[in-house]
Amino acid sequence: MATGTDDSVRNTYRYLRAAPLALTVFLGLGVWLQSRAADCVESSISATYYTSNHAVFVAALCAIGVCLIAYQGSSPFEDVVLNLSGFLAFLVAMVPTFEDPVRLCRDAAAVIDPLPASIRLNVAAVFGAAAVAEAVRWVFVRPLWRLPQDSQYRRWYVLVVAGVGYLLVLFLAWRYLSDFEGWFVRNAHNWSAVSMFGGIVLLILINGVGAVREILGSPARRTRTVLATAAYLVSALGMIGGLALTLWRRSAQGVPDVFGAEVVVIAAFALFWLTQTLELWNATDRQAKRDAEGIVVPPLGATG
């Protein structure tokens, strides 16, 4: 009985780890097939919201958001960042890039004509569900008043990133309530997307540092860990570069072409998640992996 239960838990964890990769392929195939059908490429992946790829775009982002929220990071810091990024994925899905009028490649007519009233209701559902989920988390799952004094959730850097995340959500909620058809519809998509991928950059850097510490703490200097470190570095550079290029081009007038930059960002995310999945395939978090493989890492700040 115990063995069957353990196998079920392990396989469920592995499915959860692999799901974002499958969803990234799902989104990529949807964009590619839509581009083939239209015989042109949109100015951005987000613009496919208005095309026949609408359902794939929204479903993939919402499902990835669920996976990020459900997956528990290797530390409270990672967990907080994953939860925030998962929530923002829902806003990216529900609020399209603002185009007035909508202009698609080959001057095709928009398949989806999102009405502000519909977007308002969808976003209200996102904020409402998030509020309920956070209440359940901090009252029933992880009661604040029961956390021990040495809990990592009380560390200053965890509290800082959680505070910044809550401030961002409150800011977006305020703009939703105060200026929905003005500021929110025009800016919430970009703010949410950049913040979501900014959180992923933090996760990549954290895992890269963790891999480097394992190299320093492992006499064998295993090739696998070195390759993982290199993959994290490539992921971070790709995502930072893609985000910077996207922001720079979006500051231009008209409808800037950021499709290639967004492809780089999504590919960097996929590489990061694949690398972390391979590293943690047999362990639920990085510390469990170290314990299983007998790796003793030097404390942060150590020189060797």
Foldseek 3Di string as FASTA:
>chain_A
DVVVVVVVVLVVLLCLLCVLLVLLVLLVVLQVVQCVVVVHHWLASLLCCQPPSVVSQLVSLLVQLVSLQPAAAQALLSNLLSNLLSLLSNLLSLQGADDVVRATPVRDDGNDDDDLVSSLVSVVVSVVVVVVVVCCCCVPVNPPVPDDPPGRCPDPVNVVVNVVSVVVVVVLVVCCVPPNPPDNSNPSNVVSVLSSLVSVLVVLVVVLVVLVQLCVQDPVSDPLSVVLNVLSVQLNVQQVVLNVVVVVQVVDPDRHRSHVSVVSNSVSSSSNSVSVCVQCSPHSYDVRSCVVVVGDGDDPPDDD
